[in-house]
Amino acid sequence: SEYKNIVKQYHKEIPEMNSFNQFKICSSLISQIPSKILNELFINQLKNRGMKNYFSTKIYAPFHQLSLALQLGKKEQEILFQNLKTPINL
């Protein structure tokens, strides 16, 4: 949906697509957007996710990206972090 939002914001409309060709169509249209404008649109989409990430981006960059991708809330991030710190017992 974020790809489609970016396409719609720049191109003013979304062409007809289905689940199978959506990525290819959006990718093609996004590649036509000048990088400076695309960067702004992309940042706006990230802001629209409406969540805060509680991992430090300098120390825990991979976890930060994972949290954004999975849209984890604060409690879920804390649980993930605690589970990752726990030794694996076989």
N, C-alpha and C. Protein backbone atom coordinates (compact mmCIF):
# COMPACT_ATOMS: atom_id res chain seq x y z
N SER A 1 0.81 -1.20 0.00
CA SER A 1 0.00 0.00 0.00
C SER A 1 0.86 1.27 0.00
N GLU A 2 2.04 1.18 0.63
CA GLU A 2 2.93 2.36 0.64
C GLU A 2 3.42 2.68 -0.77
N TYR A 3 3.74 1.65 -1.53
CA TYR A 3 4.17 1.89 -2.92
C TYR A 3 3.05 2.56 -3.71
N LYS A 4 1.84 2.06 -3.54
CA LYS A 4 0.71 2.64 -4.27
C LYS A 4 0.46 4.08 -3.83
N ASN A 5 0.64 4.37 -2.55
CA ASN A 5 0.48 5.74 -2.08
C ASN A 5 1.50 6.68 -2.71
N ILE A 6 2.73 6.22 -2.81
CA ILE A 6 3.78 7.03 -3.43
C ILE A 6 3.45 7.28 -4.90
N VAL A 7 3.02 6.24 -5.59
CA VAL A 7 2.65 6.39 -7.02
C VAL A 7 1.50 7.38 -7.15
N LYS A 8 0.50 7.26 -6.31
CA LYS A 8 -0.66 8.14 -6.41
C LYS A 8 -0.29 9.59 -6.10
N GLN A 9 0.54 9.80 -5.09
CA GLN A 9 0.93 11.17 -4.74
C GLN A 9 1.68 11.84 -5.87
N TYR A 10 2.53 11.11 -6.55
CA TYR A 10 3.33 11.73 -7.61
C TYR A 10 2.59 11.76 -8.95
N HIS A 11 2.04 10.63 -9.35
CA HIS A 11 1.42 10.50 -10.67
C HIS A 11 -0.07 10.87 -10.67
N LYS A 12 -0.63 11.15 -9.50
CA LYS A 12 -2.02 11.59 -9.31
C LYS A 12 -3.06 10.50 -9.52
N GLU A 13 -2.66 9.36 -10.01
CA GLU A 13 -3.60 8.24 -10.15
C GLU A 13 -2.82 6.93 -10.14
N ILE A 14 -3.54 5.88 -9.83
CA ILE A 14 -2.95 4.55 -9.81
C ILE A 14 -3.51 3.76 -10.98
N PRO A 15 -2.64 3.21 -11.82
CA PRO A 15 -3.16 2.40 -12.93
C PRO A 15 -3.79 1.11 -12.42
N GLU A 16 -4.56 0.49 -13.22
CA GLU A 16 -5.19 -0.77 -12.84
C GLU A 16 -4.11 -1.83 -12.66
N MET A 17 -4.22 -2.55 -11.54
CA MET A 17 -3.24 -3.59 -11.25
C MET A 17 -3.88 -4.64 -10.37
N ASN A 18 -3.21 -5.77 -10.25
CA ASN A 18 -3.68 -6.82 -9.35
C ASN A 18 -2.52 -7.23 -8.44
N SER A 19 -2.74 -8.18 -7.59
CA SER A 19 -1.72 -8.59 -6.63
C SER A 19 -0.47 -9.15 -7.31
N PHE A 20 -0.65 -9.69 -8.51
CA PHE A 20 0.48 -10.33 -9.19
C PHE A 20 1.37 -9.33 -9.90
N ASN A 21 0.82 -8.23 -10.40
CA ASN A 21 1.64 -7.28 -11.14
C ASN A 21 1.84 -5.95 -10.41
N GLN A 22 1.32 -5.85 -9.21
CA GLN A 22 1.38 -4.61 -8.44
C GLN A 22 2.82 -4.14 -8.24
N PHE A 23 3.71 -5.02 -7.80
CA PHE A 23 5.08 -4.60 -7.53
C PHE A 23 5.78 -4.12 -8.80
N LYS A 24 5.59 -4.85 -9.89
CA LYS A 24 6.25 -4.49 -11.15
C LYS A 24 5.77 -3.12 -11.65
N ILE A 25 4.47 -2.89 -11.60
CA ILE A 25 3.91 -1.62 -12.07
C ILE A 25 4.37 -0.47 -11.17
N CYS A 26 4.26 -0.66 -9.86
CA CYS A 26 4.68 0.40 -8.93
C CYS A 26 6.17 0.67 -9.06
N SER A 27 6.96 -0.37 -9.18
CA SER A 27 8.40 -0.20 -9.32
C SER A 27 8.75 0.62 -10.56
N SER A 28 8.08 0.32 -11.65
CA SER A 28 8.31 1.06 -12.89
C SER A 28 7.93 2.53 -12.74
N LEU A 29 6.79 2.80 -12.13
CA LEU A 29 6.35 4.18 -11.96
C LEU A 29 7.20 4.94 -10.93
N ILE A 30 7.61 4.25 -9.89
CA ILE A 30 8.46 4.88 -8.88
C ILE A 30 9.82 5.24 -9.47
N SER A 31 10.32 4.41 -10.36
CA SER A 31 11.62 4.70 -10.97
C SER A 31 11.61 5.97 -11.82
N GLN A 32 10.43 6.45 -12.18
CA GLN A 32 10.30 7.68 -12.96
C GLN A 32 10.29 8.94 -12.08
N ILE A 33 10.22 8.76 -10.79
CA ILE A 33 10.15 9.90 -9.86
C ILE A 33 11.58 10.37 -9.57
N PRO A 34 11.84 11.67 -9.69
CA PRO A 34 13.18 12.19 -9.36
C PRO A 34 13.55 11.83 -7.92
N SER A 35 14.80 11.48 -7.70
CA SER A 35 15.23 10.94 -6.40
C SER A 35 14.95 11.88 -5.23
N LYS A 36 15.09 13.18 -5.40
CA LYS A 36 14.84 14.10 -4.30
C LYS A 36 13.36 14.05 -3.88
N ILE A 37 12.47 14.04 -4.85
CA ILE A 37 11.04 13.97 -4.57
C ILE A 37 10.68 12.61 -3.99
N LEU A 38 11.26 11.56 -4.56
CA LEU A 38 11.01 10.20 -4.07
C LEU A 38 11.43 10.07 -2.61
N ASN A 39 12.56 10.63 -2.27
CA ASN A 39 13.04 10.59 -0.89
C ASN A 39 12.02 11.23 0.06
N GLU A 40 11.49 12.37 -0.32
CA GLU A 40 10.49 13.06 0.51
C GLU A 40 9.21 12.22 0.64
N LEU A 41 8.76 11.65 -0.47
CA LEU A 41 7.56 10.83 -0.44
C LEU A 41 7.76 9.59 0.44
N PHE A 42 8.94 9.00 0.32
CA PHE A 42 9.26 7.81 1.10
C PHE A 42 9.28 8.14 2.59
N ILE A 43 9.92 9.24 2.96
CA ILE A 43 9.98 9.65 4.36
C ILE A 43 8.58 9.91 4.91
N ASN A 44 7.73 10.53 4.11
CA ASN A 44 6.35 10.77 4.54
C ASN A 44 5.61 9.46 4.78
N GLN A 45 5.86 8.47 3.96
CA GLN A 45 5.22 7.17 4.17
C GLN A 45 5.68 6.54 5.48
N LEU A 46 6.96 6.67 5.78
CA LEU A 46 7.47 6.12 7.04
C LEU A 46 6.85 6.84 8.23
N LYS A 47 6.70 8.15 8.11
CA LYS A 47 6.08 8.92 9.19
C LYS A 47 4.62 8.53 9.38
N ASN A 48 3.96 8.18 8.29
CA ASN A 48 2.54 7.81 8.36
C ASN A 48 2.31 6.46 9.03
N ARG A 49 3.36 5.70 9.24
CA ARG A 49 3.19 4.42 9.91
C ARG A 49 2.71 4.62 11.34
N GLY A 50 2.94 5.80 11.88
CA GLY A 50 2.39 6.15 13.17
C GLY A 50 2.93 5.36 14.34
N MET A 51 4.18 5.01 14.28
CA MET A 51 4.76 4.29 15.41
C MET A 51 6.12 4.84 15.73
N LYS A 52 6.52 4.63 16.95
CA LYS A 52 7.85 5.04 17.39
C LYS A 52 8.69 3.79 17.50
N ASN A 53 9.96 3.93 17.21
CA ASN A 53 10.87 2.81 17.35
C ASN A 53 11.76 3.07 18.55
N TYR A 54 11.82 2.13 19.45
CA TYR A 54 12.52 2.34 20.71
C TYR A 54 13.94 1.79 20.71
N PHE A 55 14.38 1.19 19.62
CA PHE A 55 15.76 0.75 19.53
C PHE A 55 16.63 1.90 19.04
N SER A 56 17.80 2.04 19.62
CA SER A 56 18.75 3.05 19.17
C SER A 56 19.20 2.69 17.75
N THR A 57 19.14 3.64 16.84
CA THR A 57 19.52 3.34 15.46
C THR A 57 21.02 3.18 15.30
N LYS A 58 21.79 3.71 16.21
CA LYS A 58 23.25 3.56 16.10
C LYS A 58 23.71 2.20 16.61
N ILE A 59 23.14 1.77 17.72
CA ILE A 59 23.60 0.53 18.35
C ILE A 59 22.87 -0.69 17.80
N TYR A 60 21.57 -0.55 17.56
CA TYR A 60 20.75 -1.69 17.17
C TYR A 60 20.12 -1.50 15.79
N ALA A 61 20.89 -1.06 14.82
CA ALA A 61 20.35 -0.76 13.49
C ALA A 61 19.55 -1.92 12.88
N PRO A 62 20.04 -3.17 12.94
CA PRO A 62 19.23 -4.27 12.36
C PRO A 62 17.89 -4.44 13.07
N PHE A 63 17.87 -4.26 14.40
CA PHE A 63 16.63 -4.40 15.14
C PHE A 63 15.69 -3.24 14.86
N HIS A 64 16.26 -2.09 14.64
CA HIS A 64 15.47 -0.91 14.27
C HIS A 64 14.73 -1.18 12.97
N GLN A 65 15.44 -1.68 11.97
CA GLN A 65 14.82 -1.98 10.68
C GLN A 65 13.78 -3.08 10.81
N LEU A 66 14.09 -4.09 11.60
CA LEU A 66 13.14 -5.18 11.82
C LEU A 66 11.88 -4.67 12.49
N SER A 67 12.03 -3.81 13.48
CA SER A 67 10.88 -3.25 14.18
C SER A 67 10.00 -2.42 13.25
N LEU A 68 10.63 -1.65 12.38
CA LEU A 68 9.85 -0.87 11.41
C LEU A 68 9.10 -1.78 10.46
N ALA A 69 9.80 -2.79 9.95
CA ALA A 69 9.18 -3.69 8.98
C ALA A 69 8.01 -4.45 9.59
N LEU A 70 8.15 -4.87 10.84
CA LEU A 70 7.09 -5.64 11.49
C LEU A 70 6.09 -4.77 12.24
N GLN A 71 6.33 -3.46 12.24
CA GLN A 71 5.47 -2.49 12.93
C GLN A 71 5.26 -2.89 14.40
N LEU A 72 6.38 -3.18 15.06
CA LEU A 72 6.31 -3.58 16.46
C LEU A 72 6.10 -2.37 17.37
N GLY A 73 5.26 -2.53 18.36
CA GLY A 73 5.07 -1.50 19.37
C GLY A 73 6.15 -1.61 20.43
N LYS A 74 6.13 -0.69 21.40
CA LYS A 74 7.16 -0.65 22.44
C LYS A 74 7.22 -1.98 23.20
N LYS A 75 6.08 -2.48 23.63
CA LYS A 75 6.05 -3.73 24.40
C LYS A 75 6.58 -4.89 23.58
N GLU A 76 6.18 -4.96 22.33
CA GLU A 76 6.66 -6.04 21.45
C GLU A 76 8.17 -5.95 21.23
N GLN A 77 8.68 -4.72 21.09
CA GLN A 77 10.13 -4.54 20.94
C GLN A 77 10.87 -5.00 22.19
N GLU A 78 10.33 -4.68 23.36
CA GLU A 78 10.96 -5.09 24.61
C GLU A 78 10.99 -6.61 24.72
N ILE A 79 9.89 -7.27 24.35
CA ILE A 79 9.82 -8.74 24.39
C ILE A 79 10.84 -9.33 23.43
N LEU A 80 10.90 -8.80 22.22
CA LEU A 80 11.87 -9.27 21.23
C LEU A 80 13.28 -9.15 21.77
N PHE A 81 13.61 -7.98 22.32
CA PHE A 81 14.95 -7.73 22.82
C PHE A 81 15.28 -8.69 23.97
N GLN A 82 14.34 -8.91 24.88
CA GLN A 82 14.58 -9.84 25.99
C GLN A 82 14.78 -11.26 25.47
N ASN A 83 13.98 -11.65 24.49
CA ASN A 83 14.14 -13.00 23.91
C ASN A 83 15.48 -13.16 23.22
N LEU A 84 15.96 -12.11 22.58
CA LEU A 84 17.25 -12.20 21.90
C LEU A 84 18.41 -12.25 22.89
N LYS A 85 18.22 -11.69 24.06
CA LYS A 85 19.27 -11.71 25.08
C LYS A 85 19.30 -13.04 25.85
N THR A 86 18.24 -13.81 25.76
CA THR A 86 18.15 -15.07 26.48
C THR A 86 18.95 -16.16 25.77
N PRO A 87 19.83 -16.86 26.51
CA PRO A 87 20.60 -17.96 25.88
C PRO A 87 19.67 -19.07 25.39
N ILE A 88 20.08 -19.69 24.33
CA ILE A 88 19.32 -20.83 23.79
C ILE A 88 19.73 -22.09 24.54
N ASN A 89 18.76 -22.75 25.11
CA ASN A 89 19.01 -24.01 25.83
C ASN A 89 18.57 -25.17 24.98
N LEU A 90 19.51 -26.02 24.65
CA LEU A 90 19.20 -27.19 23.84
C LEU A 90 19.04 -28.42 24.68
